[in-house]
Amino acid sequence: MQEVKKRLLTGNKAMAEGIRQEMENNDEVFVLGEDIGAYGGIFGSTEGLLEEFGPERIMDTPISETALIGAAVGAATEGMRPIAELMFVDFFGVAMDQIYNQMAKIPYMSGGNVKVPMVLMTAVGGGYNDAAQHSQTLYATFGHMPGMKVVAPTTPYDLKGMMISAIRDDNPVVFMFHKTLQGLGWMEQLDTSQGHVPEEAYTVPLGKANIVKEGSDMTIIGMQMTTHYGMQAVKELEEQGVDAELIDLRSIVPLDKETILNSLKKTGRIMIVDEDYKSFGVSAEIAAIVAEEGLFDLEAPVKRLALPDVPIPYSRPMEQFIIPTADKIVKAALELRDQ
């Protein structure tokens, strides 16, 4: 078997490469959004693409999310495969009619006769002091509404592979990438924002969680930054005699219930760590699934660690106070062990 050549790429370069390869493969793929052209996207997701494909396929738009997402929906219904960038997920409100009443519902309302094969990519996450209107994750907001796939890749490998899968999918896909994992020079540099990414095009399935580390004492479920914090926590827990299994959820819709419930059968304890709000969120959904389908496998109550129901503070100490971190995961895991 031929060995796959390995390279280190940051998250943003992995995403941009996936988009570029699909644009080379399919002339119907194009990108539109604010500052995605010469600037390369504020989070680097379209870096270098304007020079290669020109302004007809890398389209800088006016500051109107309603217009650019509406244009993408129309293009998708006519057979193209647009990628529309909503710069911050927090801005979804001004375009919610286009997203939910059009993008998500047209396939159903047409009886499946009209497909909407588009990607709505958007930046999520706090941790770098951008205040209440630019720091949310809102996984559950989109996961709650039927008609869209919703994914949240963690590693550069998954960012590229899941972007290619999303572009090829005939359903609308909301592709949430975490700002801190893009590896941008003006943000805090994390080793986890780099990873091995093959040069060739490849796909990572949507709707399939990844078991990052196997364990027997408890299951910890994370997404994006909370997966990375979870990995730090798992190492610390090992030193204290706790063998934790860590699952990177990767997809909110479809949700990989099978992996979650199989892990619970093995460990008997489960904790969900989420950077979204605690009330009515992904952690609540997983807890409900466990109660309905895995209740008798539980040896202790479900543990949830998520944002309190407050706007994200601008102040760094206050923001760090509410965001789940490795230390908080360790503390909560030890409490779960002792229950």
Protein backbone atom coordinates (compact mmCIF):
# COMPACT_ATOMS: atom_id res chain seq x y z
CA MET A 1 0.00 0.00 0.00
CA GLN A 2 1.39 3.38 -1.01
CA GLU A 3 2.19 5.61 1.96
CA VAL A 4 0.16 8.83 2.05
CA LYS A 5 2.37 11.90 2.09
CA LYS A 6 1.78 13.96 5.23
CA ARG A 7 1.93 17.74 5.52
CA LEU A 8 1.12 20.10 8.33
CA LEU A 9 -1.60 22.63 7.49
CA THR A 10 -3.49 25.11 9.61
CA GLY A 11 -7.27 24.89 9.73
CA ASN A 12 -7.84 27.79 7.34
CA LYS A 13 -5.41 26.44 4.74
CA ALA A 14 -7.01 22.99 4.94
CA MET A 15 -10.45 24.51 4.34
CA ALA A 16 -9.23 26.66 1.46
CA GLU A 17 -7.53 23.66 -0.14
CA GLY A 18 -10.72 21.60 0.05
CA ILE A 19 -12.70 24.40 -1.58
CA ARG A 20 -10.04 24.89 -4.26
CA GLN A 21 -9.96 21.20 -5.19
CA GLU A 22 -13.74 21.05 -5.51
CA MET A 23 -13.74 24.22 -7.64
CA GLU A 24 -11.17 22.60 -9.92
CA ASN A 25 -13.29 19.44 -10.05
CA ASN A 26 -16.66 21.10 -10.65
CA ASP A 27 -17.29 24.37 -12.51
CA GLU A 28 -20.64 24.75 -10.72
CA VAL A 29 -18.90 25.39 -7.38
CA PHE A 30 -18.38 29.05 -6.48
CA VAL A 31 -17.99 31.13 -3.32
CA LEU A 32 -19.67 34.37 -2.30
CA GLY A 33 -19.46 36.48 0.82
CA GLU A 34 -18.03 39.57 2.44
CA ASP A 35 -14.24 40.10 2.17
CA ILE A 36 -13.65 36.64 0.70
CA GLY A 37 -11.84 37.90 -2.41
CA ALA A 38 -8.59 39.84 -2.16
CA TYR A 39 -8.69 39.63 1.63
CA GLY A 40 -9.12 35.85 1.53
CA GLY A 41 -11.85 35.82 4.16
CA ILE A 42 -11.45 37.36 7.59
CA PHE A 43 -10.68 33.86 8.93
CA GLY A 44 -8.66 32.75 5.90
CA SER A 45 -11.13 30.22 4.51
CA THR A 46 -10.78 31.49 0.91
CA GLU A 47 -7.12 32.50 1.02
CA GLY A 48 -5.52 32.52 -2.44
CA LEU A 49 -8.66 31.52 -4.34
CA LEU A 50 -9.38 34.84 -6.05
CA GLU A 51 -6.05 34.74 -7.90
CA GLU A 52 -6.78 31.26 -9.21
CA PHE A 53 -10.48 31.47 -10.06
CA GLY A 54 -11.22 35.16 -10.57
CA PRO A 55 -14.07 37.37 -9.36
CA GLU A 56 -16.81 35.45 -11.21
CA ARG A 57 -16.30 32.42 -8.96
CA ILE A 58 -14.89 34.13 -5.85
CA MET A 59 -17.49 36.86 -5.43
CA ASP A 60 -17.05 39.66 -2.92
CA THR A 61 -20.51 40.89 -1.99
CA PRO A 62 -21.91 44.02 -0.36
CA ILE A 63 -22.53 43.88 3.38
CA SER A 64 -25.93 42.23 3.07
CA GLU A 65 -26.23 38.71 4.45
CA THR A 66 -29.83 38.54 3.26
CA ALA A 67 -28.77 39.24 -0.33
CA LEU A 68 -25.75 36.96 -0.52
CA ILE A 69 -27.42 33.97 1.13
CA GLY A 70 -30.57 34.52 -0.91
CA ALA A 71 -28.47 34.60 -4.09
CA ALA A 72 -26.79 31.35 -3.06
CA VAL A 73 -30.14 29.66 -2.45
CA GLY A 74 -31.36 30.71 -5.90
CA ALA A 75 -28.18 29.49 -7.57
CA ALA A 76 -28.39 26.15 -5.73
CA THR A 77 -31.98 25.56 -6.86
CA GLU A 78 -30.77 26.04 -10.45
CA GLY A 79 -28.13 23.31 -10.12
CA MET A 80 -25.04 25.19 -8.99
CA ARG A 81 -23.14 24.41 -5.79
CA PRO A 82 -22.55 27.71 -4.02
CA ILE A 83 -20.59 28.20 -0.81
CA ALA A 84 -21.87 31.26 1.03
CA GLU A 85 -19.89 32.67 3.94
CA LEU A 86 -21.80 34.17 6.84
CA MET A 87 -18.84 35.94 8.43
CA PHE A 88 -19.95 35.39 12.04
CA VAL A 89 -22.70 32.96 13.03
CA ASP A 90 -24.02 35.72 15.31
CA PHE A 91 -25.22 37.56 12.19
CA PHE A 92 -27.69 34.81 11.25
CA GLY A 93 -30.68 36.84 12.42
CA VAL A 94 -30.65 39.28 9.51
CA ALA A 95 -30.81 36.38 7.03
CA MET A 96 -32.93 33.86 8.91
CA ASP A 97 -35.73 33.92 6.37
CA GLN A 98 -33.30 33.00 3.59
CA ILE A 99 -31.66 30.31 5.75
CA TYR A 100 -34.62 28.61 7.32
CA ASN A 101 -37.71 29.47 5.29
CA GLN A 102 -35.92 29.03 1.95
CA MET A 103 -32.65 27.07 2.10
CA ALA A 104 -33.89 24.45 4.57
CA LYS A 105 -37.49 24.09 3.41
CA ILE A 106 -37.45 24.23 -0.38
CA PRO A 107 -36.48 20.54 -0.83
CA TYR A 108 -39.33 19.43 1.45
CA MET A 109 -41.92 21.86 0.08
CA SER A 110 -41.10 20.82 -3.48
CA GLY A 111 -41.58 17.14 -2.64
CA GLY A 112 -37.89 16.54 -3.21
CA ASN A 113 -38.04 17.85 -6.78
CA VAL A 114 -35.86 20.88 -6.05
CA LYS A 115 -32.50 20.29 -4.40
CA VAL A 116 -30.51 22.99 -2.59
CA PRO A 117 -26.91 21.72 -2.72
CA MET A 118 -25.23 24.63 -0.98
CA VAL A 119 -22.84 25.17 1.91
CA LEU A 120 -23.39 27.95 4.42
CA MET A 121 -20.02 28.27 6.14
CA THR A 122 -19.75 30.42 9.22
CA ALA A 123 -17.32 31.22 12.02
CA VAL A 124 -18.18 30.25 15.59
CA GLY A 125 -16.59 30.39 19.01
CA GLY A 126 -15.27 32.71 21.67
CA GLY A 127 -12.12 32.79 23.72
CA TYR A 128 -10.50 35.82 22.10
CA ASN A 129 -12.52 38.73 23.52
CA ASP A 130 -14.80 39.69 20.66
CA ALA A 131 -17.81 40.29 22.91
CA ALA A 132 -21.45 39.22 22.85
CA GLN A 133 -22.23 39.77 19.15
CA HIS A 134 -19.20 37.93 17.71
CA SER A 135 -18.43 35.01 20.04
CA GLN A 136 -21.26 32.48 20.04
CA THR A 137 -21.30 28.93 18.72
CA LEU A 138 -25.08 28.41 18.28
CA TYR A 139 -24.75 24.74 17.30
CA ALA A 140 -28.16 23.96 18.71
CA THR A 141 -29.90 26.93 17.07
CA PHE A 142 -29.30 25.38 13.65
CA GLY A 143 -29.48 21.77 14.82
CA HIS A 144 -32.98 22.38 16.17
CA MET A 145 -34.41 23.27 12.75
CA PRO A 146 -35.01 20.39 10.30
CA GLY A 147 -33.91 20.47 6.68
CA MET A 148 -30.21 21.24 7.10
CA LYS A 149 -27.14 19.22 7.93
CA VAL A 150 -25.04 20.93 10.60
CA VAL A 151 -21.36 20.09 11.08
CA ALA A 152 -18.58 21.39 13.34
CA PRO A 153 -15.17 19.93 12.35
CA THR A 154 -12.32 20.05 14.86
CA THR A 155 -9.06 19.17 13.11
CA PRO A 156 -7.49 20.46 9.88
CA TYR A 157 -7.91 16.94 8.44
CA ASP A 158 -11.64 17.05 9.17
CA LEU A 159 -12.01 20.66 8.03
CA LYS A 160 -10.81 19.71 4.55
CA GLY A 161 -12.52 16.32 4.30
CA MET A 162 -15.85 17.49 5.67
CA MET A 163 -15.81 20.61 3.49
CA ILE A 164 -15.45 18.42 0.41
CA SER A 165 -18.25 16.17 1.66
CA ALA A 166 -20.45 19.22 2.33
CA ILE A 167 -19.88 20.66 -1.17
CA ARG A 168 -20.76 17.32 -2.79
CA ASP A 169 -23.86 16.80 -0.63
CA ASP A 170 -27.22 17.47 -2.29
CA ASN A 171 -28.60 18.88 0.97
CA PRO A 172 -27.95 22.33 2.43
CA VAL A 173 -25.08 22.05 4.92
CA VAL A 174 -24.29 24.56 7.66
CA PHE A 175 -20.51 24.31 8.06
CA MET A 176 -19.38 25.81 11.37
CA PHE A 177 -15.64 26.38 11.73
CA HIS A 178 -14.11 27.55 15.00
CA LYS A 179 -12.10 30.75 14.74
CA THR A 180 -9.44 29.63 17.23
CA LEU A 181 -8.75 26.48 15.20
CA GLN A 182 -8.03 28.35 11.95
CA GLY A 183 -4.39 28.98 12.91
CA LEU A 184 -4.43 32.69 12.06
CA GLY A 185 -1.42 34.79 13.00
CA TRP A 186 -3.44 37.51 14.74
CA MET A 187 -5.08 35.03 17.12
CA GLU A 188 -3.67 32.88 19.90
CA GLN A 189 -1.53 30.15 18.35
CA LEU A 190 -2.44 26.61 19.33
CA ASP A 191 -0.62 23.45 18.31
CA THR A 192 -4.05 21.92 17.70
CA SER A 193 -4.77 24.42 14.90
CA GLN A 194 -2.25 22.50 12.77
CA GLY A 195 -2.51 18.92 11.62
CA HIS A 196 -1.58 16.40 8.96
CA VAL A 197 -3.63 16.91 5.79
CA PRO A 198 -3.20 14.81 2.61
CA GLU A 199 -2.61 16.69 -0.64
CA GLU A 200 -5.20 14.75 -2.60
CA ALA A 201 -8.94 15.30 -2.29
CA TYR A 202 -10.68 13.04 0.22
CA THR A 203 -13.95 12.99 2.14
CA VAL A 204 -14.84 12.65 5.80
CA PRO A 205 -18.44 11.47 6.32
CA LEU A 206 -20.99 13.89 7.71
CA GLY A 207 -22.88 12.51 10.68
CA LYS A 208 -20.12 10.31 12.09
CA ALA A 209 -18.42 11.08 15.41
CA ASN A 210 -14.74 10.33 16.00
CA ILE A 211 -13.46 8.41 19.02
CA VAL A 212 -10.31 10.41 19.79
CA LYS A 213 -9.28 8.21 22.71
CA GLU A 214 -10.77 4.98 24.00
CA GLY A 215 -11.40 4.52 27.69
CA SER A 216 -13.39 2.48 30.19
CA ASP A 217 -14.31 4.70 33.17
CA MET A 218 -16.40 7.46 31.60
CA THR A 219 -17.30 9.05 28.26
CA ILE A 220 -16.50 12.71 27.57
CA ILE A 221 -18.11 14.24 24.46
CA GLY A 222 -16.69 17.45 22.98
CA MET A 223 -16.94 19.60 19.87
CA GLN A 224 -14.18 21.71 18.35
CA MET A 225 -12.39 23.58 21.17
CA THR A 226 -14.03 21.48 23.87
CA THR A 227 -12.59 18.38 22.18
CA HIS A 228 -9.11 19.88 22.47
CA TYR A 229 -9.71 20.89 26.07
CA GLY A 230 -11.05 17.38 26.58
CA MET A 231 -7.81 15.87 25.30
CA GLN A 232 -5.84 17.91 27.81
CA ALA A 233 -8.24 16.85 30.53
CA VAL A 234 -8.05 13.16 29.60
CA LYS A 235 -4.27 13.22 30.04
CA GLU A 236 -4.60 14.83 33.46
CA LEU A 237 -7.30 12.36 34.44
CA GLU A 238 -5.03 9.45 33.50
CA GLU A 239 -2.55 10.69 36.09
CA GLN A 240 -5.34 10.49 38.66
CA GLY A 241 -6.32 6.96 37.70
CA VAL A 242 -9.33 7.80 35.51
CA ASP A 243 -9.46 6.15 32.07
CA ALA A 244 -11.79 8.44 30.10
CA GLU A 245 -13.04 7.89 26.56
CA LEU A 246 -13.12 11.06 24.45
CA ILE A 247 -15.54 11.49 21.54
CA ASP A 248 -15.32 14.36 19.05
CA LEU A 249 -18.92 14.83 17.93
CA ARG A 250 -18.05 16.58 14.60
CA SER A 251 -21.66 16.58 13.38
CA ILE A 252 -24.71 17.96 15.14
CA VAL A 253 -27.09 16.90 12.34
CA PRO A 254 -27.04 14.00 11.66
CA LEU A 255 -26.15 13.14 15.26
CA ASP A 256 -24.16 9.93 15.72
CA LYS A 257 -26.29 8.36 18.44
CA GLU A 258 -24.80 4.92 17.85
CA THR A 259 -21.27 5.94 18.83
CA ILE A 260 -22.55 7.80 21.90
CA LEU A 261 -24.73 4.94 23.17
CA ASN A 262 -22.12 2.26 22.45
CA SER A 263 -19.58 4.25 24.44
CA LEU A 264 -22.02 4.66 27.31
CA LYS A 265 -22.58 0.89 27.44
CA LYS A 266 -18.85 0.47 27.93
CA THR A 267 -18.21 3.24 30.47
CA GLY A 268 -21.49 3.77 32.35
CA ARG A 269 -20.81 7.47 32.84
CA ILE A 270 -21.15 10.33 30.38
CA MET A 271 -20.32 14.03 30.29
CA ILE A 272 -21.03 16.48 27.48
CA VAL A 273 -18.81 19.56 27.16
CA ASP A 274 -20.25 22.29 24.94
CA GLU A 275 -19.26 25.87 24.11
CA ASP A 276 -22.89 26.61 23.24
CA TYR A 277 -25.44 27.62 25.87
CA LYS A 278 -26.50 24.97 28.37
CA SER A 279 -30.26 25.46 28.21
CA PHE A 280 -31.99 23.79 25.22
CA GLY A 281 -28.61 22.94 23.68
CA VAL A 282 -26.68 20.00 22.25
CA SER A 283 -25.82 18.84 25.76
CA ALA A 284 -29.53 18.73 26.60
CA GLU A 285 -30.31 16.77 23.41
CA ILE A 286 -27.65 14.16 24.13
CA ALA A 287 -28.80 13.89 27.74
CA ALA A 288 -32.36 13.28 26.50
CA ILE A 289 -31.18 10.59 24.06
CA VAL A 290 -29.28 8.88 26.86
CA ALA A 291 -32.37 9.02 29.11
CA GLU A 292 -34.62 7.59 26.38
CA GLU A 293 -32.31 4.96 24.90
CA GLY A 294 -29.50 4.30 27.38
CA LEU A 295 -30.98 4.88 30.83
CA PHE A 296 -30.16 1.43 32.19
CA ASP A 297 -26.54 1.74 31.10
CA LEU A 298 -26.03 4.78 33.35
CA GLU A 299 -24.15 4.28 36.61
CA ALA A 300 -24.39 8.00 37.50
CA PRO A 301 -26.46 10.98 36.33
CA VAL A 302 -25.47 12.64 33.05
CA LYS A 303 -23.00 15.51 33.57
CA ARG A 304 -23.21 18.66 31.44
CA LEU A 305 -20.59 21.39 31.18
CA ALA A 306 -21.62 24.28 28.92
CA LEU A 307 -21.96 28.06 28.79
CA PRO A 308 -24.27 29.65 31.33
CA ASP A 309 -27.24 31.49 29.85
CA VAL A 310 -25.60 34.91 29.62
CA PRO A 311 -24.29 37.01 26.72
CA ILE A 312 -20.58 36.32 26.18
CA PRO A 313 -18.58 39.00 28.05
CA TYR A 314 -15.96 41.16 26.37
CA SER A 315 -13.73 41.16 29.47
CA ARG A 316 -11.15 38.38 29.17
CA PRO A 317 -11.36 37.23 32.83
CA MET A 318 -15.16 37.13 32.60
CA GLU A 319 -15.11 35.32 29.26
CA GLN A 320 -12.66 32.73 30.58
CA PHE A 321 -14.86 32.32 33.65
CA ILE A 322 -17.81 31.06 31.58
CA ILE A 323 -16.06 29.05 28.81
CA PRO A 324 -15.39 25.34 29.48
CA THR A 325 -11.65 24.66 29.88
CA ALA A 326 -9.46 21.64 30.58
CA ASP A 327 -9.33 22.42 34.31
CA LYS A 328 -13.12 22.64 34.50
CA ILE A 329 -13.47 19.34 32.63
CA VAL A 330 -11.08 17.61 35.03
CA LYS A 331 -12.99 18.95 38.04
CA ALA A 332 -16.36 17.89 36.62
CA ALA A 333 -15.02 14.47 35.59
CA LEU A 334 -13.74 13.77 39.10
CA GLU A 335 -17.13 14.70 40.49
CA LEU A 336 -18.74 12.32 37.97
CA ARG A 337 -16.35 9.54 38.95
CA ASP A 338 -17.31 9.88 42.59
CA GLN A 339 -21.06 9.73 41.98
